[in-house]
Amino acid sequence: MSPNLTIRATVRDYQGGLTKSGIRLYLDGSEKSRFRYDPATGSLRYYVGRAISPGTHEVRIEAESESSDKQGRTGGSAAKRWTFTVVRR
């Protein structure tokens, strides 16, 4: 088993309408709600809190903003997915 780990990402909304409630974080398909998000810096951190088994794991982040700009365009959405591999020592 691997040591505990922290997942980090930068999630920014340059119009300023993104809040933690607009972000969904998934680890291996399971939604995680106990992450920290700082809208001023865009910093997202999720402490896994348990050992991760060896193998390939997937992280997916979906973000949806409620903001609008001077032209009346409302917020948008984005998603990012990546994998990482835990190896046995």
PDB file of N, CA and C in Angstrom:
ATOM      1  N   MET A   1       0.831  -1.178   0.000  1.00  0.00           N
ATOM      2  CA  MET A   1       0.000   0.000   0.000  1.00  0.00           C
ATOM      3  C   MET A   1       0.884   1.254   0.000  1.00  0.00           C
ATOM      4  N   SER A   2       0.389   2.275  -0.643  1.00  0.00           N
ATOM      5  CA  SER A   2       1.147   3.516  -0.732  1.00  0.00           C
ATOM      6  C   SER A   2       0.821   4.413   0.461  1.00  0.00           C
ATOM      7  N   PRO A   3       1.668   5.399   0.697  1.00  0.00           N
ATOM      8  CA  PRO A   3       1.329   6.364   1.739  1.00  0.00           C
ATOM      9  C   PRO A   3       0.144   7.227   1.288  1.00  0.00           C
ATOM     10  N   ASN A   4      -0.439   7.917   2.236  1.00  0.00           N
ATOM     11  CA  ASN A   4      -1.549   8.823   1.910  1.00  0.00           C
ATOM     12  C   ASN A   4      -1.054   9.904   0.955  1.00  0.00           C
ATOM     13  N   LEU A   5      -1.966  10.468   0.193  1.00  0.00           N
ATOM     14  CA  LEU A   5      -1.565  11.480  -0.758  1.00  0.00           C
ATOM     15  C   LEU A   5      -2.581  12.616  -0.820  1.00  0.00           C
ATOM     16  N   THR A   6      -2.138  13.720  -1.417  1.00  0.00           N
ATOM     17  CA  THR A   6      -2.984  14.881  -1.634  1.00  0.00           C
ATOM     18  C   THR A   6      -3.067  15.138  -3.128  1.00  0.00           C
ATOM     19  N   ILE A   7      -4.272  15.321  -3.620  1.00  0.00           N
ATOM     20  CA  ILE A   7      -4.494  15.674  -5.023  1.00  0.00           C
ATOM     21  C   ILE A   7      -4.589  17.192  -5.081  1.00  0.00           C
ATOM     22  N   ARG A   8      -3.840  17.783  -5.993  1.00  0.00           N
ATOM     23  CA  ARG A   8      -3.831  19.242  -6.138  1.00  0.00           C
ATOM     24  C   ARG A   8      -4.121  19.623  -7.579  1.00  0.00           C
ATOM     25  N   ALA A   9      -4.835  20.722  -7.736  1.00  0.00           N
ATOM     26  CA  ALA A   9      -5.122  21.241  -9.076  1.00  0.00           C
ATOM     27  C   ALA A   9      -5.366  22.737  -8.974  1.00  0.00           C
ATOM     28  N   THR A  10      -5.278  23.408 -10.090  1.00  0.00           N
ATOM     29  CA  THR A  10      -5.647  24.821 -10.170  1.00  0.00           C
ATOM     30  C   THR A  10      -6.912  24.916 -11.002  1.00  0.00           C
ATOM     31  N   VAL A  11      -7.950  25.514 -10.418  1.00  0.00           N
ATOM     32  CA  VAL A  11      -9.251  25.656 -11.079  1.00  0.00           C
ATOM     33  C   VAL A  11      -9.609  27.135 -11.009  1.00  0.00           C
ATOM     34  N   ARG A  12      -9.520  27.822 -12.138  1.00  0.00           N
ATOM     35  CA  ARG A  12      -9.712  29.275 -12.136  1.00  0.00           C
ATOM     36  C   ARG A  12     -10.911  29.695 -12.973  1.00  0.00           C
ATOM     37  N   ASP A  13     -11.538  30.747 -12.506  1.00  0.00           N
ATOM     38  CA  ASP A  13     -12.582  31.441 -13.265  1.00  0.00           C
ATOM     39  C   ASP A  13     -12.170  32.903 -13.287  1.00  0.00           C
ATOM     40  N   TYR A  14     -11.703  33.371 -14.426  1.00  0.00           N
ATOM     41  CA  TYR A  14     -11.173  34.730 -14.505  1.00  0.00           C
ATOM     42  C   TYR A  14     -12.254  35.790 -14.368  1.00  0.00           C
ATOM     43  N   GLN A  15     -13.525  35.408 -14.449  1.00  0.00           N
ATOM     44  CA  GLN A  15     -14.618  36.358 -14.220  1.00  0.00           C
ATOM     45  C   GLN A  15     -15.058  36.354 -12.765  1.00  0.00           C
ATOM     46  N   GLY A  16     -14.558  35.412 -11.984  1.00  0.00           N
ATOM     47  CA  GLY A  16     -14.781  35.435 -10.551  1.00  0.00           C
ATOM     48  C   GLY A  16     -16.056  34.810 -10.043  1.00  0.00           C
ATOM     49  N   GLY A  17     -16.775  34.030 -10.828  1.00  0.00           N
ATOM     50  CA  GLY A  17     -18.036  33.479 -10.374  1.00  0.00           C
ATOM     51  C   GLY A  17     -17.985  32.049  -9.864  1.00  0.00           C
ATOM     52  N   LEU A  18     -16.810  31.435  -9.887  1.00  0.00           N
ATOM     53  CA  LEU A  18     -16.703  30.037  -9.484  1.00  0.00           C
ATOM     54  C   LEU A  18     -16.569  29.921  -7.971  1.00  0.00           C
ATOM     55  N   THR A  19     -17.372  29.048  -7.384  1.00  0.00           N
ATOM     56  CA  THR A  19     -17.295  28.753  -5.959  1.00  0.00           C
ATOM     57  C   THR A  19     -17.106  27.253  -5.781  1.00  0.00           C
ATOM     58  N   LYS A  20     -16.828  26.833  -4.560  1.00  0.00           N
ATOM     59  CA  LYS A  20     -16.637  25.416  -4.291  1.00  0.00           C
ATOM     60  C   LYS A  20     -17.865  24.605  -4.692  1.00  0.00           C
ATOM     61  N   SER A  21     -19.051  25.167  -4.506  1.00  0.00           N
ATOM     62  CA  SER A  21     -20.277  24.426  -4.842  1.00  0.00           C
ATOM     63  C   SER A  21     -20.413  24.170  -6.339  1.00  0.00           C
ATOM     64  N   GLY A  22     -19.656  24.907  -7.163  1.00  0.00           N
ATOM     65  CA  GLY A  22     -19.683  24.696  -8.602  1.00  0.00           C
ATOM     66  C   GLY A  22     -18.645  23.698  -9.092  1.00  0.00           C
ATOM     67  N   ILE A  23     -17.920  23.076  -8.159  1.00  0.00           N
ATOM     68  CA  ILE A  23     -16.851  22.153  -8.531  1.00  0.00           C
ATOM     69  C   ILE A  23     -17.206  20.741  -8.072  1.00  0.00           C
ATOM     70  N   ARG A  24     -16.965  19.778  -8.949  1.00  0.00           N
ATOM     71  CA  ARG A  24     -17.142  18.364  -8.614  1.00  0.00           C
ATOM     72  C   ARG A  24     -15.788  17.677  -8.795  1.00  0.00           C
ATOM     73  N   LEU A  25     -15.371  16.926  -7.788  1.00  0.00           N
ATOM     74  CA  LEU A  25     -14.115  16.188  -7.822  1.00  0.00           C
ATOM     75  C   LEU A  25     -14.419  14.712  -7.686  1.00  0.00           C
ATOM     76  N   TYR A  26     -13.853  13.921  -8.587  1.00  0.00           N
ATOM     77  CA  TYR A  26     -14.056  12.469  -8.569  1.00  0.00           C
ATOM     78  C   TYR A  26     -12.703  11.773  -8.515  1.00  0.00           C
ATOM     79  N   LEU A  27     -12.605  10.757  -7.683  1.00  0.00           N
ATOM     80  CA  LEU A  27     -11.440   9.889  -7.633  1.00  0.00           C
ATOM     81  C   LEU A  27     -11.922   8.482  -7.910  1.00  0.00           C
ATOM     82  N   ASP A  28     -11.434   7.908  -8.984  1.00  0.00           N
ATOM     83  CA  ASP A  28     -11.852   6.567  -9.409  1.00  0.00           C
ATOM     84  C   ASP A  28     -13.371   6.452  -9.509  1.00  0.00           C
ATOM     85  N   GLY A  29     -14.010   7.512 -10.025  1.00  0.00           N
ATOM     86  CA  GLY A  29     -15.450   7.505 -10.260  1.00  0.00           C
ATOM     87  C   GLY A  29     -16.304   7.853  -9.066  1.00  0.00           C
ATOM     88  N   SER A  30     -15.706   8.014  -7.903  1.00  0.00           N
ATOM     89  CA  SER A  30     -16.460   8.328  -6.683  1.00  0.00           C
ATOM     90  C   SER A  30     -16.332   9.821  -6.370  1.00  0.00           C
ATOM     91  N   GLU A  31     -17.464  10.516  -6.249  1.00  0.00           N
ATOM     92  CA  GLU A  31     -17.430  11.952  -5.979  1.00  0.00           C
ATOM     93  C   GLU A  31     -16.914  12.216  -4.570  1.00  0.00           C
ATOM     94  N   LYS A  32     -16.041  13.202  -4.468  1.00  0.00           N
ATOM     95  CA  LYS A  32     -15.455  13.602  -3.188  1.00  0.00           C
ATOM     96  C   LYS A  32     -15.858  15.036  -2.892  1.00  0.00           C
ATOM     97  N   SER A  33     -16.395  15.275  -1.712  1.00  0.00           N
ATOM     98  CA  SER A  33     -16.851  16.627  -1.377  1.00  0.00           C
ATOM     99  C   SER A  33     -15.985  17.311  -0.327  1.00  0.00           C
ATOM    100  N   ARG A  34     -15.071  16.577   0.291  1.00  0.00           N
ATOM    101  CA  ARG A  34     -14.276  17.147   1.370  1.00  0.00           C
ATOM    102  C   ARG A  34     -12.948  17.708   0.860  1.00  0.00           C
ATOM    103  N   PHE A  35     -13.007  18.517  -0.177  1.00  0.00           N
ATOM    104  CA  PHE A  35     -11.813  19.164  -0.701  1.00  0.00           C
ATOM    105  C   PHE A  35     -11.835  20.638  -0.327  1.00  0.00           C
ATOM    106  N   ARG A  36     -10.679  21.251  -0.391  1.00  0.00           N
ATOM    107  CA  ARG A  36     -10.558  22.690  -0.115  1.00  0.00           C
ATOM    108  C   ARG A  36     -10.370  23.421  -1.435  1.00  0.00           C
ATOM    109  N   TYR A  37     -11.024  24.582  -1.546  1.00  0.00           N
ATOM    110  CA  TYR A  37     -10.888  25.389  -2.751  1.00  0.00           C
ATOM    111  C   TYR A  37     -10.759  26.850  -2.353  1.00  0.00           C
ATOM    112  N   ASP A  38      -9.751  27.518  -2.884  1.00  0.00           N
ATOM    113  CA  ASP A  38      -9.531  28.942  -2.650  1.00  0.00           C
ATOM    114  C   ASP A  38      -9.790  29.685  -3.953  1.00  0.00           C
ATOM    115  N   PRO A  39     -10.941  30.364  -4.075  1.00  0.00           N
ATOM    116  CA  PRO A  39     -11.255  31.042  -5.337  1.00  0.00           C
ATOM    117  C   PRO A  39     -10.276  32.169  -5.674  1.00  0.00           C
ATOM    118  N   ALA A  40      -9.626  32.753  -4.692  1.00  0.00           N
ATOM    119  CA  ALA A  40      -8.671  33.837  -4.967  1.00  0.00           C
ATOM    120  C   ALA A  40      -7.446  33.336  -5.722  1.00  0.00           C
ATOM    121  N   THR A  41      -6.997  32.137  -5.412  1.00  0.00           N
ATOM    122  CA  THR A  41      -5.801  31.587  -6.063  1.00  0.00           C
ATOM    123  C   THR A  41      -6.130  30.482  -7.061  1.00  0.00           C
ATOM    124  N   GLY A  42      -7.344  29.930  -6.983  1.00  0.00           N
ATOM    125  CA  GLY A  42      -7.725  28.796  -7.832  1.00  0.00           C
ATOM    126  C   GLY A  42      -7.213  27.470  -7.316  1.00  0.00           C
ATOM    127  N   SER A  43      -6.641  27.465  -6.126  1.00  0.00           N
ATOM    128  CA  SER A  43      -6.035  26.267  -5.564  1.00  0.00           C
ATOM    129  C   SER A  43      -7.088  25.297  -5.034  1.00  0.00           C
ATOM    130  N   LEU A  44      -7.050  24.068  -5.525  1.00  0.00           N
ATOM    131  CA  LEU A  44      -7.919  22.990  -5.057  1.00  0.00           C
ATOM    132  C   LEU A  44      -7.022  21.920  -4.459  1.00  0.00           C
ATOM    133  N   ARG A  45      -7.384  21.427  -3.259  1.00  0.00           N
ATOM    134  CA  ARG A  45      -6.619  20.365  -2.607  1.00  0.00           C
ATOM    135  C   ARG A  45      -7.581  19.344  -2.017  1.00  0.00           C
ATOM    136  N   TYR A  46      -7.257  18.084  -2.245  1.00  0.00           N
ATOM    137  CA  TYR A  46      -8.032  16.994  -1.656  1.00  0.00           C
ATOM    138  C   TYR A  46      -7.063  16.017  -1.007  1.00  0.00           C
ATOM    139  N   TYR A  47      -7.154  15.895   0.305  1.00  0.00           N
ATOM    140  CA  TYR A  47      -6.335  14.931   1.039  1.00  0.00           C
ATOM    141  C   TYR A  47      -7.086  13.614   1.031  1.00  0.00           C
ATOM    142  N   VAL A  48      -6.500  12.593   0.436  1.00  0.00           N
ATOM    143  CA  VAL A  48      -7.185  11.322   0.261  1.00  0.00           C
ATOM    144  C   VAL A  48      -7.512  10.681   1.613  1.00  0.00           C
ATOM    145  N   GLY A  49      -6.584  10.750   2.573  1.00  0.00           N
ATOM    146  CA  GLY A  49      -6.890  10.283   3.916  1.00  0.00           C
ATOM    147  C   GLY A  49      -6.801   8.786   4.128  1.00  0.00           C
ATOM    148  N   ARG A  50      -6.383   8.072   3.117  1.00  0.00           N
ATOM    149  CA  ARG A  50      -6.212   6.628   3.243  1.00  0.00           C
ATOM    150  C   ARG A  50      -5.156   6.202   2.235  1.00  0.00           C
ATOM    151  N   ALA A  51      -4.618   5.037   2.446  1.00  0.00           N
ATOM    152  CA  ALA A  51      -3.640   4.515   1.493  1.00  0.00           C
ATOM    153  C   ALA A  51      -4.340   4.157   0.190  1.00  0.00           C
ATOM    154  N   ILE A  52      -3.678   4.406  -0.904  1.00  0.00           N
ATOM    155  CA  ILE A  52      -4.199   4.094  -2.234  1.00  0.00           C
ATOM    156  C   ILE A  52      -3.514   2.808  -2.706  1.00  0.00           C
ATOM    157  N   SER A  53      -4.282   1.893  -3.200  1.00  0.00           N
ATOM    158  CA  SER A  53      -3.718   0.618  -3.654  1.00  0.00           C
ATOM    159  C   SER A  53      -2.884   0.814  -4.921  1.00  0.00           C
ATOM    160  N   PRO A  54      -1.910  -0.045  -5.138  1.00  0.00           N
ATOM    161  CA  PRO A  54      -1.113   0.041  -6.360  1.00  0.00           C
ATOM    162  C   PRO A  54      -2.008  -0.099  -7.595  1.00  0.00           C
ATOM    163  N   GLY A  55      -1.612   0.581  -8.657  1.00  0.00           N
ATOM    164  CA  GLY A  55      -2.361   0.531  -9.905  1.00  0.00           C
ATOM    165  C   GLY A  55      -2.653   1.920 -10.425  1.00  0.00           C
ATOM    166  N   THR A  56      -3.422   1.978 -11.495  1.00  0.00           N
ATOM    167  CA  THR A  56      -3.771   3.243 -12.131  1.00  0.00           C
ATOM    168  C   THR A  56      -5.062   3.779 -11.531  1.00  0.00           C
ATOM    169  N   HIS A  57      -5.059   5.068 -11.254  1.00  0.00           N
ATOM    170  CA  HIS A  57      -6.216   5.741 -10.661  1.00  0.00           C
ATOM    171  C   HIS A  57      -6.560   6.962 -11.512  1.00  0.00           C
ATOM    172  N   GLU A  58      -7.838   7.344 -11.485  1.00  0.00           N
ATOM    173  CA  GLU A  58      -8.301   8.462 -12.301  1.00  0.00           C
ATOM    174  C   GLU A  58      -8.849   9.582 -11.427  1.00  0.00           C
ATOM    175  N   VAL A  59      -8.485  10.809 -11.776  1.00  0.00           N
ATOM    176  CA  VAL A  59      -9.037  12.016 -11.152  1.00  0.00           C
ATOM    177  C   VAL A  59      -9.799  12.769 -12.228  1.00  0.00           C
ATOM    178  N   ARG A  60     -10.989  13.241 -11.896  1.00  0.00           N
ATOM    179  CA  ARG A  60     -11.775  14.066 -12.816  1.00  0.00           C
ATOM    180  C   ARG A  60     -12.318  15.258 -12.042  1.00  0.00           C
ATOM    181  N   ILE A  61     -12.171  16.444 -12.603  1.00  0.00           N
ATOM    182  CA  ILE A  61     -12.706  17.661 -12.000  1.00  0.00           C
ATOM    183  C   ILE A  61     -13.621  18.317 -13.016  1.00  0.00           C
ATOM    184  N   GLU A  62     -14.819  18.655 -12.566  1.00  0.00           N
ATOM    185  CA  GLU A  62     -15.781  19.388 -13.388  1.00  0.00           C
ATOM    186  C   GLU A  62     -16.093  20.692 -12.667  1.00  0.00           C
ATOM    187  N   ALA A  63     -16.113  21.785 -13.416  1.00  0.00           N
ATOM    188  CA  ALA A  63     -16.377  23.095 -12.824  1.00  0.00           C
ATOM    189  C   ALA A  63     -17.428  23.826 -13.638  1.00  0.00           C
ATOM    190  N   GLU A  64     -18.346  24.466 -12.939  1.00  0.00           N
ATOM    191  CA  GLU A  64     -19.389  25.254 -13.591  1.00  0.00           C
ATOM    192  C   GLU A  64     -19.526  26.580 -12.864  1.00  0.00           C
ATOM    193  N   SER A  65     -19.406  27.658 -13.622  1.00  0.00           N
ATOM    194  CA  SER A  65     -19.427  29.005 -13.058  1.00  0.00           C
ATOM    195  C   SER A  65     -20.802  29.647 -13.207  1.00  0.00           C
ATOM    196  N   GLU A  66     -21.123  30.480 -12.248  1.00  0.00           N
ATOM    197  CA  GLU A  66     -22.392  31.219 -12.278  1.00  0.00           C
ATOM    198  C   GLU A  66     -22.187  32.666 -12.710  1.00  0.00           C
ATOM    199  N   SER A  67     -20.991  33.036 -13.084  1.00  0.00           N
ATOM    200  CA  SER A  67     -20.687  34.443 -13.363  1.00  0.00           C
ATOM    201  C   SER A  67     -21.266  34.908 -14.703  1.00  0.00           C
ATOM    202  N   SER A  68     -21.296  36.223 -14.875  1.00  0.00           N
ATOM    203  CA  SER A  68     -21.660  36.811 -16.167  1.00  0.00           C
ATOM    204  C   SER A  68     -20.751  38.011 -16.406  1.00  0.00           C
ATOM    205  N   ASP A  69     -20.517  38.321 -17.685  1.00  0.00           N
ATOM    206  CA  ASP A  69     -19.633  39.437 -17.997  1.00  0.00           C
ATOM    207  C   ASP A  69     -20.434  40.645 -18.480  1.00  0.00           C
ATOM    208  N   LYS A  70     -19.716  41.709 -18.887  1.00  0.00           N
ATOM    209  CA  LYS A  70     -20.364  42.956 -19.303  1.00  0.00           C
ATOM    210  C   LYS A  70     -21.234  42.785 -20.544  1.00  0.00           C
ATOM    211  N   GLN A  71     -20.938  41.772 -21.365  1.00  0.00           N
ATOM    212  CA  GLN A  71     -21.733  41.534 -22.567  1.00  0.00           C
ATOM    213  C   GLN A  71     -22.952  40.656 -22.277  1.00  0.00           C
ATOM    214  N   GLY A  72     -23.130  40.262 -21.022  1.00  0.00           N
ATOM    215  CA  GLY A  72     -24.286  39.449 -20.658  1.00  0.00           C
ATOM    216  C   GLY A  72     -24.087  37.957 -20.834  1.00  0.00           C
ATOM    217  N   ARG A  73     -22.871  37.550 -21.190  1.00  0.00           N
ATOM    218  CA  ARG A  73     -22.600  36.119 -21.314  1.00  0.00           C
ATOM    219  C   ARG A  73     -22.531  35.520 -19.924  1.00  0.00           C
ATOM    220  N   THR A  74     -23.209  34.426 -19.742  1.00  0.00           N
ATOM    221  CA  THR A  74     -23.198  33.775 -18.434  1.00  0.00           C
ATOM    222  C   THR A  74     -22.050  32.797 -18.334  1.00  0.00           C
ATOM    223  N   GLY A  75     -21.883  32.273 -17.133  1.00  0.00           N
ATOM    224  CA  GLY A  75     -20.775  31.372 -16.829  1.00  0.00           C
ATOM    225  C   GLY A  75     -20.715  30.167 -17.738  1.00  0.00           C
ATOM    226  N   GLY A  76     -19.607  29.493 -17.657  1.00  0.00           N
ATOM    227  CA  GLY A  76     -19.395  28.319 -18.493  1.00  0.00           C
ATOM    228  C   GLY A  76     -19.032  27.125 -17.645  1.00  0.00           C
ATOM    229  N   SER A  77     -18.631  26.087 -18.338  1.00  0.00           N
ATOM    230  CA  SER A  77     -18.231  24.872 -17.633  1.00  0.00           C
ATOM    231  C   SER A  77     -16.989  24.300 -18.294  1.00  0.00           C
ATOM    232  N   ALA A  78     -16.264  23.513 -17.519  1.00  0.00           N
ATOM    233  CA  ALA A  78     -15.057  22.862 -18.018  1.00  0.00           C
ATOM    234  C   ALA A  78     -14.844  21.582 -17.235  1.00  0.00           C
ATOM    235  N   ALA A  79     -14.110  20.676 -17.833  1.00  0.00           N
ATOM    236  CA  ALA A  79     -13.783  19.414 -17.164  1.00  0.00           C
ATOM    237  C   ALA A  79     -12.355  19.030 -17.531  1.00  0.00           C
ATOM    238  N   LYS A  80     -11.707  18.379 -16.597  1.00  0.00           N
ATOM    239  CA  LYS A  80     -10.338  17.889 -16.822  1.00  0.00           C
ATOM    240  C   LYS A  80     -10.224  16.525 -16.163  1.00  0.00           C
ATOM    241  N   ARG A  81      -9.548  15.611 -16.841  1.00  0.00           N
ATOM    242  CA  ARG A  81      -9.369  14.246 -16.348  1.00  0.00           C
ATOM    243  C   ARG A  81      -7.902  13.876 -16.514  1.00  0.00           C
ATOM    244  N   TRP A  82      -7.368  13.180 -15.527  1.00  0.00           N
ATOM    245  CA  TRP A  82      -6.025  12.642 -15.657  1.00  0.00           C
ATOM    246  C   TRP A  82      -5.896  11.377 -14.824  1.00  0.00           C
ATOM    247  N   THR A  83      -4.865  10.626 -15.125  1.00  0.00           N
ATOM    248  CA  THR A  83      -4.612   9.390 -14.378  1.00  0.00           C
ATOM    249  C   THR A  83      -3.234   9.481 -13.733  1.00  0.00           C
ATOM    250  N   PHE A  84      -3.061   8.682 -12.698  1.00  0.00           N
ATOM    251  CA  PHE A  84      -1.755   8.530 -12.079  1.00  0.00           C
ATOM    252  C   PHE A  84      -1.617   7.074 -11.660  1.00  0.00           C
ATOM    253  N   THR A  85      -0.398   6.637 -11.522  1.00  0.00           N
ATOM    254  CA  THR A  85      -0.134   5.242 -11.190  1.00  0.00           C
ATOM    255  C   THR A  85       0.617   5.153  -9.873  1.00  0.00           C
ATOM    256  N   VAL A  86       0.136   4.308  -8.997  1.00  0.00           N
ATOM    257  CA  VAL A  86       0.792   4.008  -7.732  1.00  0.00           C
ATOM    258  C   VAL A  86       1.534   2.693  -7.924  1.00  0.00           C
ATOM    259  N   VAL A  87       2.832   2.706  -7.630  1.00  0.00           N
ATOM    260  CA  VAL A  87       3.619   1.491  -7.765  1.00  0.00           C
ATOM    261  C   VAL A  87       3.981   0.946  -6.385  1.00  0.00           C
ATOM    262  N   ARG A  88       4.096  -0.342  -6.330  1.00  0.00           N
ATOM    263  CA  ARG A  88       4.485  -1.006  -5.076  1.00  0.00           C
ATOM    264  C   ARG A  88       5.987  -0.840  -4.877  1.00  0.00           C
ATOM    265  N   ARG A  89       6.398  -0.548  -3.665  1.00  0.00           N
ATOM    266  CA  ARG A  89       7.841  -0.407  -3.362  1.00  0.00           C
ATOM    267  C   ARG A  89       8.389  -1.665  -2.799  1.00  0.00           C
TER     268      ARG A  89
END
